[in-house]
Amino acid sequence: MPKLQAALGCASLTGPRPRNEDFCGAVTPEGPDLESKGILAAVADGVGGHANGREAAEYTVRGLLSDYYATPDTWAVNKSLDTVLDALNRWLVSHAARKRETVGMATTLSAIVLRGRRFYLAHVGDSRVYRLRAGKLEQLSTDHVWEHPELDNVLSRAVGLDAHLSVDYADGELEAGDVFALMSDGVWSPLGEKRIADILRSEADPQEAASRLAMSAEDGGSQDNCTALVLRVDELPPDRLRDNISRLHRLPLPPRLKPGQEIDGLVIDALLHESIATLLYRVHDAQGQARVLKTLCPEHDDAESAAALAHEEWLARRVNDAWFPQVIPHAERSHLYYLMSWHEGATLRARLDNGHRFGSGEVAELGSRILKGLAGLHRLSIVHRDIKPDNIHLDNEGRLRILDLGVAASDAAGGDGQKFGEINNPGTPSYMAPELFGQRNAGANEQTDLYAVGVTLYQLLTRKYPYGEIEPFQTPKFGDPVPPTRYRPDIPDWLEAVLLKAVAREPKARFETAEEFLLAIERGAHRPLSVPRKSPLLARDPQLALRLLTAASVTLNIFLLYLLLVR
């Protein structure tokens, strides 16, 4: 599997100064730390004069490189950086106050973290961070200096300057080939952006680029130390959940949108669906291509719901399969939403509501296609958790797609150290397996998805539920499922056997995998399953069995007593 790979180079020259008060460093870890923490690089330019500036710069960079990797893996990058920098700042402020000669001891800092498919910046002072992408140079940091004619190049912010440290944070998407350059003012000031861009374009090797930047600045008359650090992104890993959350968590939630309104070049056509927490709109882009836009209701503008929506998008992007709508990239996103492909057609629920009568052959074919899609989902360790006619769509060409991963769960997310709440309720009661209710509450898995497929096919044929309709918050009692032939005598025996096995009360009596369920349908009448025996009353309802047994015993005793008395 591809992983994040970056090449790095660093150069630091004293220049005309009596000592070098700059400091730079980087950590390029392997294994778990690369995945959870990423690559960290930093440049600091000490202020305060004498050896104190150098001490501040070196202490800050070394402390950051060490302590960042000691923070919990579950923390966001910015939280880790902020926590570490705050502690380093407090130490510098305290240390500087101890002696007269260390008063004012402080340092600038520009740091970058490359993790997954994103970069994260932390910046204080007038060192700079540039990015060269596709030959174009862009300054990513903002100088913290006083804007006053008499205060030229006087820092307004620095690590150690004040008890309260204010750090600029930024983040963005990485692209293979990106080149990041961190440099002290002794480099960028004499060179200028045109010269910096020319050097970065002409020097492919990061170490050669860093050395040339520093030497060119020194030769160009720099009056300060000259330090440059260059990072080149060579390879990116697959997209990860935490990257998606980082990408979306700062985006504002859009307001309720009306037909004709525009957002990020997308024109709203219609509101398709509104649940308790989410909104679905049909939109079209500048080329007239129809899309589906999914976002949150304004009432759910909170971090947990935003993380859940990001989780849903991440799962949907992983399912690159014709059985599911596809996520459409949209680089211009300024609000919290994601786009999916649009397909004309209707759900199976809509077809039921319109009076369509599904035949046995049609239901068997639909079941096969649903199971093929679900098998692919399960191979990705994703459980849908809400299979039902409402979430099965047939387009105008007859292609079937499984909709709505809003309550889906994935074991693959566990490695990201993320916990997610629910955007919607986790499933629809009438399609939920018995073990998901009450004290059993076993948790959803692949088998509970297969149970929901069984209920869906049963309902398409009979317009009924095998155990009756279950209302929300109800704790149902499950006996034996009603044979579907009670409602549709024309259902063949082999299909009835398949459906009854799919919706069996006990998990061990059901299909274990989508492939096993699919095989039973494909074999059909050629190799039919045996019809499940009706469970004994004692197994179905022990309390009722006990009451009946008690009643029978009492009746027998009364009869025996009667016989004794009449003699």
Protein backbone atom coordinates (compact mmCIF):
# COMPACT_ATOMS: atom_id res chain seq x y z
CA MET A 1 0.00 0.00 0.00
CA PRO A 2 1.38 3.46 -0.88
CA LYS A 3 2.51 5.61 2.02
CA LEU A 4 3.44 9.24 2.50
CA GLN A 5 6.92 9.87 1.13
CA ALA A 6 8.74 13.19 1.18
CA ALA A 7 12.32 14.30 0.54
CA LEU A 8 13.86 16.96 2.79
CA GLY A 9 16.81 19.34 2.81
CA CYS A 10 17.99 21.99 5.28
CA ALA A 11 20.74 24.62 5.25
CA SER A 12 21.66 27.29 7.81
CA LEU A 13 24.45 29.90 7.35
CA THR A 14 25.70 32.44 9.88
CA GLY A 15 26.07 35.22 7.30
CA PRO A 16 27.53 38.55 8.52
CA ARG A 17 26.30 38.02 12.09
CA PRO A 18 28.81 36.98 14.80
CA ARG A 19 26.74 33.83 15.62
CA ASN A 20 23.90 31.82 14.12
CA GLU A 21 20.71 32.32 16.09
CA ASP A 22 18.57 30.32 13.65
CA PHE A 23 17.73 26.67 14.13
CA CYS A 24 15.96 24.13 11.95
CA GLY A 25 15.05 20.48 12.29
CA ALA A 26 12.72 17.74 11.10
CA VAL A 27 11.46 14.29 12.03
CA THR A 28 10.60 11.77 9.29
CA PRO A 29 9.22 8.75 11.19
CA GLU A 30 8.34 5.31 9.88
CA GLY A 31 5.60 2.88 10.74
CA PRO A 32 2.73 3.86 13.07
CA ASP A 33 4.13 7.34 13.86
CA LEU A 34 4.19 8.23 10.17
CA GLU A 35 0.54 7.27 9.86
CA SER A 36 -0.74 8.80 13.09
CA LYS A 37 1.55 11.84 13.46
CA GLY A 38 3.14 12.45 10.06
CA ILE A 39 6.32 14.31 9.13
CA LEU A 40 7.19 17.43 11.14
CA ALA A 41 9.66 20.16 10.11
CA ALA A 42 10.36 23.55 11.68
CA VAL A 43 12.49 26.68 11.28
CA ALA A 44 13.06 29.17 14.11
CA ASP A 45 14.85 32.54 14.13
CA GLY A 46 15.94 33.57 17.61
CA VAL A 47 15.59 37.15 18.83
CA GLY A 48 16.93 38.87 21.91
CA GLY A 49 20.61 39.11 21.11
CA HIS A 50 23.70 37.26 22.35
CA ALA A 51 23.30 33.53 22.81
CA ASN A 52 19.77 33.84 24.10
CA GLY A 53 18.14 33.98 20.70
CA ARG A 54 19.86 30.81 19.63
CA GLU A 55 18.88 29.14 22.91
CA ALA A 56 15.23 30.09 22.39
CA ALA A 57 15.22 28.90 18.77
CA GLU A 58 16.92 25.60 19.47
CA TYR A 59 14.87 24.89 22.61
CA THR A 60 11.62 25.57 20.74
CA VAL A 61 12.42 23.44 17.69
CA ARG A 62 13.90 20.55 19.66
CA GLY A 63 11.04 20.63 22.15
CA LEU A 64 8.44 20.71 19.38
CA LEU A 65 10.04 17.82 17.47
CA SER A 66 10.18 15.72 20.61
CA ASP A 67 6.95 16.56 22.42
CA TYR A 68 4.64 16.56 19.38
CA TYR A 69 5.20 12.82 18.92
CA ALA A 70 4.41 12.24 22.60
CA THR A 71 0.87 13.66 22.34
CA PRO A 72 -2.07 11.21 22.12
CA ASP A 73 -2.74 9.78 18.66
CA THR A 74 -6.42 10.66 19.04
CA TRP A 75 -5.66 14.40 19.19
CA ALA A 76 -6.04 16.56 16.11
CA VAL A 77 -2.78 17.87 14.69
CA ASN A 78 -3.54 21.48 15.63
CA LYS A 79 -4.44 20.48 19.18
CA SER A 80 -1.14 18.62 19.55
CA LEU A 81 0.86 21.55 18.15
CA ASP A 82 -0.99 24.11 20.24
CA THR A 83 -0.55 22.14 23.47
CA VAL A 84 3.17 21.66 22.92
CA LEU A 85 3.83 25.25 21.82
CA ASP A 86 1.91 26.66 24.76
CA ALA A 87 4.09 24.66 27.17
CA LEU A 88 7.29 25.74 25.38
CA ASN A 89 6.18 29.36 25.43
CA ARG A 90 5.45 29.28 29.17
CA TRP A 91 8.91 27.87 29.86
CA LEU A 92 10.63 30.54 27.75
CA VAL A 93 8.67 33.35 29.41
CA SER A 94 9.50 31.98 32.85
CA HIS A 95 13.16 31.42 31.97
CA ALA A 96 13.56 34.90 30.47
CA ALA A 97 12.20 36.55 33.62
CA ARG A 98 14.88 34.98 35.87
CA LYS A 99 17.83 37.10 34.69
CA ARG A 100 18.24 40.60 33.35
CA GLU A 101 20.35 39.44 30.41
CA THR A 102 17.67 36.99 29.21
CA VAL A 103 14.80 39.49 29.18
CA GLY A 104 13.25 39.55 25.70
CA MET A 105 14.55 36.11 24.81
CA ALA A 106 12.18 34.77 22.16
CA THR A 107 12.02 33.18 18.71
CA THR A 108 9.96 33.06 15.56
CA LEU A 109 8.65 29.68 14.49
CA SER A 110 7.34 28.23 11.25
CA ALA A 111 6.39 24.56 11.42
CA ILE A 112 4.70 22.19 9.00
CA VAL A 113 3.20 18.73 9.49
CA LEU A 114 2.58 16.42 6.53
CA ARG A 115 0.11 13.72 7.52
CA GLY A 116 -1.93 11.52 5.25
CA ARG A 117 -3.06 13.64 2.33
CA ARG A 118 -3.03 16.98 4.19
CA PHE A 119 -0.60 19.55 5.50
CA TYR A 120 -0.86 21.60 8.69
CA LEU A 121 0.95 24.89 9.44
CA ALA A 122 1.81 26.55 12.74
CA HIS A 123 3.37 30.01 12.44
CA VAL A 124 4.52 32.82 14.74
CA GLY A 125 6.74 35.76 13.76
CA ASP A 126 8.28 36.76 10.43
CA SER A 127 9.83 33.54 9.21
CA ARG A 128 7.87 32.38 6.17
CA VAL A 129 6.34 29.31 4.60
CA TYR A 130 6.00 29.06 0.82
CA ARG A 131 4.48 26.39 -1.39
CA LEU A 132 5.45 25.71 -4.99
CA ARG A 133 2.65 23.87 -6.80
CA ALA A 134 2.61 23.34 -10.56
CA GLY A 135 5.36 25.96 -10.90
CA LYS A 136 3.42 28.65 -9.00
CA LEU A 137 4.78 30.06 -5.71
CA GLU A 138 2.36 30.96 -2.91
CA GLN A 139 3.10 32.41 0.54
CA LEU A 140 1.14 30.41 3.12
CA SER A 141 2.13 32.35 6.25
CA THR A 142 1.51 35.93 7.39
CA ASP A 143 4.28 38.09 8.91
CA HIS A 144 3.66 39.19 12.49
CA VAL A 145 5.34 42.62 12.56
CA TRP A 146 4.18 46.03 13.72
CA GLU A 147 2.87 48.15 10.86
CA HIS A 148 4.44 51.46 11.76
CA PRO A 149 7.13 53.54 10.02
CA GLU A 150 9.25 53.65 13.17
CA LEU A 151 8.73 49.97 14.04
CA ASP A 152 9.95 48.37 10.83
CA ASN A 153 10.69 44.62 11.25
CA VAL A 154 9.70 44.69 14.91
CA LEU A 155 7.88 41.47 15.83
CA SER A 156 4.35 41.70 17.16
CA ARG A 157 4.31 37.98 18.00
CA ALA A 158 6.99 35.43 18.93
CA VAL A 159 7.39 32.33 21.08
CA GLY A 160 8.51 33.59 24.50
CA LEU A 161 7.48 37.20 23.88
CA ASP A 162 4.27 37.09 25.92
CA ALA A 163 2.61 34.81 28.44
CA HIS A 164 -0.29 34.37 26.01
CA LEU A 165 0.92 32.83 22.74
CA SER A 166 -1.20 33.40 19.64
CA VAL A 167 -0.33 30.98 16.83
CA ASP A 168 -1.61 31.07 13.25
CA TYR A 169 -2.83 27.65 12.09
CA ALA A 170 -3.74 26.59 8.58
CA ASP A 171 -4.21 23.35 6.70
CA GLY A 172 -4.92 22.13 3.22
CA GLU A 173 -4.81 19.29 0.70
CA LEU A 174 -1.50 17.80 -0.40
CA GLU A 175 -0.64 16.99 -3.99
CA ALA A 176 2.23 14.83 -5.17
CA GLY A 177 4.99 17.16 -6.34
CA ASP A 178 4.20 19.93 -3.83
CA VAL A 179 7.34 21.71 -2.58
CA PHE A 180 7.24 23.54 0.77
CA ALA A 181 9.97 26.00 1.73
CA LEU A 182 10.36 27.29 5.29
CA MET A 183 12.88 30.12 5.71
CA SER A 184 14.03 32.85 8.07
CA ASP A 185 13.76 36.53 7.09
CA GLY A 186 17.47 36.45 6.33
CA VAL A 187 16.57 34.41 3.22
CA TRP A 188 13.27 35.69 1.93
CA SER A 189 14.00 39.38 2.47
CA PRO A 190 17.05 39.72 0.14
CA LEU A 191 15.85 37.17 -2.42
CA GLY A 192 12.24 38.14 -3.06
CA GLU A 193 9.55 35.79 -4.33
CA LYS A 194 10.67 35.70 -7.97
CA ARG A 195 14.17 34.53 -7.06
CA ILE A 196 12.81 32.02 -4.51
CA ALA A 197 10.47 30.58 -7.15
CA ASP A 198 13.26 30.33 -9.73
CA ILE A 199 15.50 28.40 -7.32
CA LEU A 200 12.73 25.99 -6.27
CA ARG A 201 11.80 25.34 -9.91
CA SER A 202 15.37 24.73 -11.03
CA GLU A 203 16.59 22.59 -8.10
CA ALA A 204 14.77 19.25 -7.96
CA ASP A 205 16.74 17.95 -4.98
CA PRO A 206 15.47 19.50 -1.69
CA GLN A 207 18.94 19.62 -0.12
CA GLU A 208 20.38 21.40 -3.17
CA ALA A 209 17.41 23.80 -3.16
CA ALA A 210 17.84 24.60 0.56
CA SER A 211 21.58 25.16 0.19
CA ARG A 212 21.16 27.37 -2.85
CA LEU A 213 18.47 29.47 -1.12
CA ALA A 214 20.73 30.09 1.89
CA MET A 215 23.86 30.79 -0.16
CA SER A 216 22.03 33.00 -2.65
CA ALA A 217 20.62 35.06 0.23
CA GLU A 218 24.10 35.39 1.76
CA ASP A 219 25.62 36.38 -1.58
CA GLY A 220 22.73 38.78 -2.16
CA GLY A 221 23.69 40.91 0.81
CA SER A 222 21.63 39.42 3.65
CA GLN A 223 22.34 41.12 6.97
CA ASP A 224 21.06 38.19 9.00
CA ASN A 225 21.50 34.45 9.45
CA CYS A 226 20.26 32.51 6.43
CA THR A 227 18.21 29.35 7.08
CA ALA A 228 16.05 27.41 4.63
CA LEU A 229 14.27 24.06 4.88
CA VAL A 230 12.72 22.45 1.79
CA LEU A 231 10.21 19.55 1.70
CA ARG A 232 9.13 17.81 -1.51
CA VAL A 233 6.07 15.52 -1.47
CA ASP A 234 6.86 12.45 -3.57
CA GLU A 235 4.00 10.04 -2.84
CA LEU A 236 0.66 10.17 -1.04
CA PRO A 237 -1.15 7.39 0.85
CA PRO A 238 -4.78 6.40 0.28
CA ASP A 239 -7.36 8.78 1.69
CA ARG A 240 -8.10 8.26 5.39
CA LEU A 241 -11.04 9.12 7.58
CA ARG A 242 -9.15 11.56 9.78
CA ASP A 243 -8.08 13.47 6.63
CA ASN A 244 -11.70 13.84 5.58
CA ILE A 245 -12.71 15.08 9.02
CA SER A 246 -9.85 17.57 9.05
CA ARG A 247 -10.88 18.74 5.61
CA LEU A 248 -14.49 19.41 6.56
CA HIS A 249 -14.59 20.29 10.26
CA ARG A 250 -13.92 24.00 9.74
CA LEU A 251 -16.44 24.50 6.95
CA PRO A 252 -19.62 26.36 7.90
CA LEU A 253 -22.98 24.70 7.47
CA PRO A 254 -24.98 26.13 4.55
CA PRO A 255 -28.37 27.70 5.27
CA ARG A 256 -31.53 26.05 4.04
CA LEU A 257 -31.39 26.33 0.27
CA LYS A 258 -34.21 27.09 -2.14
CA PRO A 259 -34.56 26.26 -5.86
CA GLY A 260 -32.63 28.75 -7.92
CA GLN A 261 -30.10 29.57 -5.22
CA GLU A 262 -26.41 28.92 -5.92
CA ILE A 263 -23.61 27.54 -3.77
CA ASP A 264 -20.04 27.07 -4.99
CA GLY A 265 -21.17 27.13 -8.63
CA LEU A 266 -23.96 24.60 -7.99
CA VAL A 267 -27.57 25.65 -8.67
CA ILE A 268 -30.29 24.16 -6.46
CA ASP A 269 -33.00 22.38 -8.44
CA ALA A 270 -35.14 20.84 -5.70
CA LEU A 271 -35.22 19.53 -2.14
CA LEU A 272 -35.29 15.74 -2.49
CA HIS A 273 -35.55 14.63 1.13
CA GLU A 274 -35.39 15.99 4.66
CA SER A 275 -34.77 13.75 7.68
CA ILE A 276 -34.38 14.75 11.33
CA ALA A 277 -30.77 15.75 10.73
CA THR A 278 -29.94 15.77 7.00
CA LEU A 279 -31.02 17.45 3.79
CA LEU A 280 -30.76 16.11 0.24
CA TYR A 281 -30.91 18.48 -2.73
CA ARG A 282 -30.77 17.88 -6.46
CA VAL A 283 -28.37 20.41 -7.99
CA HIS A 284 -26.66 20.99 -11.33
CA ASP A 285 -23.17 22.26 -12.05
CA ALA A 286 -21.92 24.76 -14.63
CA GLN A 287 -22.01 22.05 -17.34
CA GLY A 288 -25.63 21.24 -16.51
CA GLN A 289 -24.74 17.89 -14.93
CA ALA A 290 -27.22 16.85 -12.25
CA ARG A 291 -25.84 15.90 -8.80
CA VAL A 292 -27.12 15.13 -5.31
CA LEU A 293 -25.93 17.43 -2.51
CA LYS A 294 -26.11 16.10 1.06
CA THR A 295 -25.71 18.35 4.08
CA LEU A 296 -26.98 18.79 7.62
CA CYS A 297 -30.07 20.63 8.80
CA PRO A 298 -29.17 24.02 10.32
CA GLU A 299 -30.38 22.71 13.71
CA HIS A 300 -27.55 20.15 13.68
CA ASP A 301 -24.67 22.59 13.42
CA ASP A 302 -22.39 20.80 15.89
CA ALA A 303 -19.02 19.07 15.80
CA GLU A 304 -20.42 15.57 16.34
CA SER A 305 -22.86 15.79 13.41
CA ALA A 306 -20.17 17.31 11.19
CA ALA A 307 -17.78 14.45 12.03
CA ALA A 308 -20.55 11.92 11.30
CA LEU A 309 -21.19 13.50 7.88
CA ALA A 310 -17.45 13.43 7.13
CA HIS A 311 -17.41 9.77 8.18
CA GLU A 312 -20.30 9.04 5.82
CA GLU A 313 -18.56 10.76 2.89
CA TRP A 314 -15.35 8.87 3.61
CA LEU A 315 -17.18 5.53 3.55
CA ALA A 316 -18.99 6.48 0.34
CA ARG A 317 -15.71 7.41 -1.35
CA ARG A 318 -14.25 4.02 -0.43
CA VAL A 319 -17.14 2.20 -2.10
CA ASN A 320 -16.05 2.65 -5.70
CA ASP A 321 -18.65 0.25 -7.03
CA ALA A 322 -21.44 0.41 -9.62
CA TRP A 323 -23.91 -0.84 -6.99
CA PHE A 324 -23.66 2.50 -5.13
CA PRO A 325 -23.89 6.21 -6.04
CA GLN A 326 -20.43 7.72 -6.52
CA VAL A 327 -18.99 10.66 -4.58
CA ILE A 328 -18.22 13.57 -6.92
CA PRO A 329 -15.09 15.64 -6.06
CA HIS A 330 -15.76 19.36 -5.77
CA ALA A 331 -12.69 21.41 -4.98
CA GLU A 332 -14.63 24.66 -4.56
CA ARG A 333 -16.45 23.54 -1.41
CA SER A 334 -16.88 26.50 0.93
CA HIS A 335 -19.56 24.86 3.10
CA LEU A 336 -20.15 21.52 4.82
CA TYR A 337 -21.67 19.10 2.29
CA TYR A 338 -20.68 16.48 -0.22
CA LEU A 339 -21.83 15.59 -3.74
CA MET A 340 -23.02 12.28 -5.19
CA SER A 341 -23.99 11.13 -8.64
CA TRP A 342 -27.65 11.63 -9.63
CA HIS A 343 -29.68 8.88 -11.29
CA GLU A 344 -33.21 9.21 -12.65
CA GLY A 345 -35.55 6.52 -11.41
CA ALA A 346 -37.31 5.48 -8.23
CA THR A 347 -36.75 3.50 -5.05
CA LEU A 348 -38.42 0.16 -4.43
CA ARG A 349 -40.51 1.90 -1.77
CA ALA A 350 -41.82 4.35 -4.36
CA ARG A 351 -42.68 1.46 -6.66
CA LEU A 352 -44.58 -0.28 -3.84
CA ASP A 353 -46.43 2.95 -3.06
CA ASN A 354 -47.35 3.31 -6.74
CA GLY A 355 -49.02 -0.10 -6.67
CA HIS A 356 -46.40 -2.19 -8.44
CA ARG A 357 -46.93 -5.93 -7.83
CA PHE A 358 -43.58 -7.70 -7.64
CA GLY A 359 -43.48 -11.24 -8.96
CA SER A 360 -41.37 -14.06 -7.49
CA GLY A 361 -38.90 -14.05 -10.38
CA GLU A 362 -38.52 -10.28 -10.19
CA VAL A 363 -37.92 -10.38 -6.43
CA ALA A 364 -35.35 -13.17 -6.80
CA GLU A 365 -33.50 -11.09 -9.41
CA LEU A 366 -33.60 -7.98 -7.23
CA GLY A 367 -32.37 -10.01 -4.26
CA SER A 368 -29.40 -11.31 -6.26
CA ARG A 369 -28.38 -7.79 -7.26
CA ILE A 370 -28.79 -6.37 -3.75
CA LEU A 371 -26.65 -9.19 -2.36
CA LYS A 372 -23.92 -8.65 -4.96
CA GLY A 373 -23.69 -5.00 -3.95
CA LEU A 374 -23.80 -5.86 -0.25
CA ALA A 375 -21.07 -8.48 -0.65
CA GLY A 376 -18.73 -5.78 -2.01
CA LEU A 377 -19.61 -3.53 0.90
CA HIS A 378 -18.90 -6.27 3.44
CA ARG A 379 -15.54 -7.02 1.82
CA LEU A 380 -14.58 -3.46 2.76
CA SER A 381 -15.60 -4.20 6.38
CA ILE A 382 -18.58 -1.85 6.08
CA VAL A 383 -22.00 -2.73 7.54
CA HIS A 384 -24.87 -0.78 5.97
CA ARG A 385 -27.30 -1.07 8.93
CA ASP A 386 -30.34 0.32 7.07
CA ILE A 387 -31.20 -1.94 4.13
CA LYS A 388 -34.88 -1.43 3.20
CA PRO A 389 -36.97 -0.66 0.09
CA ASP A 390 -36.48 3.07 0.67
CA ASN A 391 -32.71 2.63 0.18
CA ILE A 392 -32.78 0.45 -2.93
CA HIS A 393 -32.98 2.46 -6.17
CA LEU A 394 -33.66 1.41 -9.75
CA ASP A 395 -32.70 3.93 -12.41
CA ASN A 396 -34.50 4.35 -15.73
CA GLU A 397 -32.20 1.77 -17.35
CA GLY A 398 -33.00 -0.76 -14.63
CA ARG A 399 -29.63 -0.49 -12.83
CA LEU A 400 -29.88 -1.12 -9.10
CA ARG A 401 -28.05 0.98 -6.51
CA ILE A 402 -27.94 0.80 -2.74
CA LEU A 403 -28.44 4.23 -1.16
CA ASP A 404 -27.63 6.03 2.09
CA LEU A 405 -24.55 5.17 4.13
CA GLY A 406 -25.65 7.62 6.81
CA VAL A 407 -25.70 5.04 9.60
CA ALA A 408 -23.11 2.66 8.14
CA ALA A 409 -20.32 1.42 10.38
CA SER A 410 -16.82 0.26 9.50
CA ASP A 411 -14.10 -1.54 11.42
CA ALA A 412 -11.61 0.25 9.19
CA ALA A 413 -12.39 3.53 10.96
CA GLY A 414 -11.10 2.16 14.24
CA GLY A 415 -7.49 2.68 13.25
CA ASP A 416 -8.14 6.39 13.05
CA GLY A 417 -9.03 6.55 16.73
CA GLN A 418 -12.36 8.20 15.96
CA LYS A 419 -15.73 7.75 17.60
CA PHE A 420 -18.88 8.87 15.84
CA GLY A 421 -22.40 9.58 16.87
CA GLU A 422 -25.37 8.95 14.64
CA ILE A 423 -26.71 11.43 12.13
CA ASN A 424 -29.93 9.43 12.02
CA ASN A 425 -31.32 6.54 14.03
CA PRO A 426 -29.19 3.42 13.48
CA GLY A 427 -31.63 1.45 11.39
CA THR A 428 -35.38 1.08 10.86
CA PRO A 429 -37.07 -1.12 13.53
CA SER A 430 -39.11 -3.40 11.22
CA TYR A 431 -35.95 -4.36 9.31
CA MET A 432 -33.71 -4.81 12.35
CA ALA A 433 -32.76 -8.32 13.47
CA PRO A 434 -34.13 -9.60 16.82
CA GLU A 435 -30.69 -9.54 18.48
CA LEU A 436 -30.54 -5.75 18.02
CA PHE A 437 -33.40 -5.24 20.49
CA GLY A 438 -33.69 -5.33 24.24
CA GLN A 439 -31.14 -6.91 26.48
CA ARG A 440 -29.53 -8.85 23.66
CA ASN A 441 -28.50 -5.65 21.79
CA ALA A 442 -25.68 -7.55 20.12
CA GLY A 443 -24.66 -4.80 17.69
CA ALA A 444 -25.02 -4.72 13.92
CA ASN A 445 -22.88 -6.91 11.68
CA GLU A 446 -22.95 -8.48 8.21
CA GLN A 447 -25.63 -10.97 9.33
CA THR A 448 -28.01 -8.23 10.44
CA ASP A 449 -27.66 -6.66 6.98
CA LEU A 450 -28.63 -10.00 5.44
CA TYR A 451 -31.64 -10.20 7.76
CA ALA A 452 -32.73 -6.77 6.48
CA VAL A 453 -32.38 -8.00 2.88
CA GLY A 454 -34.66 -10.92 3.77
CA VAL A 455 -37.28 -8.58 5.27
CA THR A 456 -37.03 -6.32 2.21
CA LEU A 457 -37.65 -9.18 -0.24
CA TYR A 458 -40.46 -10.52 1.97
CA GLN A 459 -42.12 -7.10 1.93
CA LEU A 460 -41.78 -6.69 -1.83
CA LEU A 461 -43.72 -9.92 -2.27
CA THR A 462 -46.31 -9.61 0.50
CA ARG A 463 -46.42 -5.93 1.52
CA LYS A 464 -46.15 -7.33 5.06
CA TYR A 465 -43.38 -7.90 7.61
CA PRO A 466 -42.44 -11.42 8.75
CA TYR A 467 -42.93 -10.49 12.43
CA GLY A 468 -45.39 -7.65 11.96
CA GLU A 469 -44.55 -3.96 11.89
CA ILE A 470 -42.31 -2.75 14.72
CA GLU A 471 -42.71 0.83 15.93
CA PRO A 472 -39.79 2.97 17.16
CA PHE A 473 -38.94 2.49 20.85
CA GLN A 474 -40.97 -0.72 20.87
CA THR A 475 -39.41 -3.83 22.40
CA PRO A 476 -40.92 -6.57 20.24
CA LYS A 477 -41.33 -10.26 21.00
CA PHE A 478 -40.29 -12.59 18.19
CA GLY A 479 -41.99 -15.92 17.65
CA ASP A 480 -41.82 -17.72 14.30
CA PRO A 481 -42.01 -15.64 11.11
CA VAL A 482 -45.28 -15.83 9.19
CA PRO A 483 -44.74 -17.91 6.02
CA PRO A 484 -45.02 -15.56 3.03
CA THR A 485 -47.33 -18.03 1.25
CA ARG A 486 -50.03 -17.07 3.75
CA TYR A 487 -50.24 -13.75 1.87
CA ARG A 488 -49.02 -14.92 -1.56
CA PRO A 489 -49.88 -18.57 -2.26
CA ASP A 490 -48.17 -18.27 -5.65
CA ILE A 491 -44.68 -17.96 -4.08
CA PRO A 492 -42.66 -21.09 -4.94
CA ASP A 493 -41.61 -23.35 -2.09
CA TRP A 494 -37.88 -22.84 -2.71
CA LEU A 495 -38.20 -19.03 -2.45
CA GLU A 496 -40.28 -19.31 0.72
CA ALA A 497 -37.57 -21.51 2.24
CA VAL A 498 -34.89 -18.95 1.32
CA LEU A 499 -36.86 -16.06 2.82
CA LEU A 500 -37.68 -17.93 6.03
CA LYS A 501 -34.02 -18.82 6.49
CA ALA A 502 -33.01 -15.18 5.87
CA VAL A 503 -35.37 -13.84 8.54
CA ALA A 504 -34.98 -16.62 11.10
CA ARG A 505 -35.17 -15.44 14.70
CA GLU A 506 -31.81 -16.93 15.71
CA PRO A 507 -28.63 -15.75 13.91
CA LYS A 508 -27.24 -19.29 13.73
CA ALA A 509 -30.24 -20.34 11.64
CA ARG A 510 -29.66 -17.60 9.00
CA PHE A 511 -27.22 -17.16 6.12
CA GLU A 512 -23.74 -16.29 7.33
CA THR A 513 -22.55 -14.38 4.27
CA ALA A 514 -24.01 -12.51 1.33
CA GLU A 515 -22.40 -15.08 -0.97
CA GLU A 516 -24.22 -17.94 0.78
CA PHE A 517 -27.55 -16.08 0.52
CA LEU A 518 -26.89 -15.30 -3.16
CA LEU A 519 -26.04 -18.93 -3.93
CA ALA A 520 -29.33 -20.09 -2.39
CA ILE A 521 -31.27 -17.72 -4.68
CA GLU A 522 -29.28 -18.64 -7.78
CA ARG A 523 -29.79 -22.38 -7.19
CA GLY A 524 -33.48 -21.76 -6.74
CA ALA A 525 -35.71 -24.72 -7.49
CA HIS A 526 -32.81 -26.84 -8.73
CA ARG A 527 -31.39 -27.31 -5.22
CA PRO A 528 -34.06 -25.95 -2.86
CA LEU A 529 -33.51 -25.38 0.83
CA SER A 530 -35.62 -27.32 3.28
CA VAL A 531 -38.42 -25.33 4.86
CA PRO A 532 -37.45 -24.52 8.47
CA ARG A 533 -39.41 -26.47 11.06
CA LYS A 534 -41.69 -24.50 13.28
CA SER A 535 -40.00 -23.84 16.59
CA PRO A 536 -41.45 -25.53 19.69
CA LEU A 537 -43.58 -23.24 21.79
CA LEU A 538 -41.11 -23.57 24.65
CA ALA A 539 -38.38 -22.07 22.45
CA ARG A 540 -40.60 -19.40 20.94
CA ASP A 541 -42.28 -18.17 24.14
CA PRO A 542 -41.14 -19.90 27.36
CA GLN A 543 -43.50 -17.83 29.55
CA LEU A 544 -46.55 -18.71 27.47
CA ALA A 545 -45.52 -22.38 27.44
CA LEU A 546 -45.18 -22.32 31.22
CA ARG A 547 -48.61 -20.70 31.62
CA LEU A 548 -50.22 -23.28 29.34
CA LEU A 549 -48.48 -26.11 31.16
CA THR A 550 -49.61 -24.73 34.50
CA ALA A 551 -53.19 -24.37 33.23
CA ALA A 552 -53.18 -27.92 31.89
CA SER A 553 -51.82 -29.21 35.20
CA VAL A 554 -54.49 -27.37 37.19
CA THR A 555 -57.22 -28.65 34.85
CA LEU A 556 -55.98 -32.21 35.20
CA ASN A 557 -55.86 -31.95 38.97
CA ILE A 558 -59.42 -30.58 39.10
CA PHE A 559 -60.59 -33.45 36.89
CA LEU A 560 -58.89 -36.04 39.09
CA LEU A 561 -60.37 -34.43 42.18
CA TYR A 562 -63.82 -34.58 40.56
CA LEU A 563 -63.41 -38.27 39.86
CA LEU A 564 -62.49 -38.95 43.49
CA LEU A 565 -65.51 -37.06 44.82
CA VAL A 566 -68.15 -38.66 42.61
CA ARG A 567 -67.14 -42.20 43.59
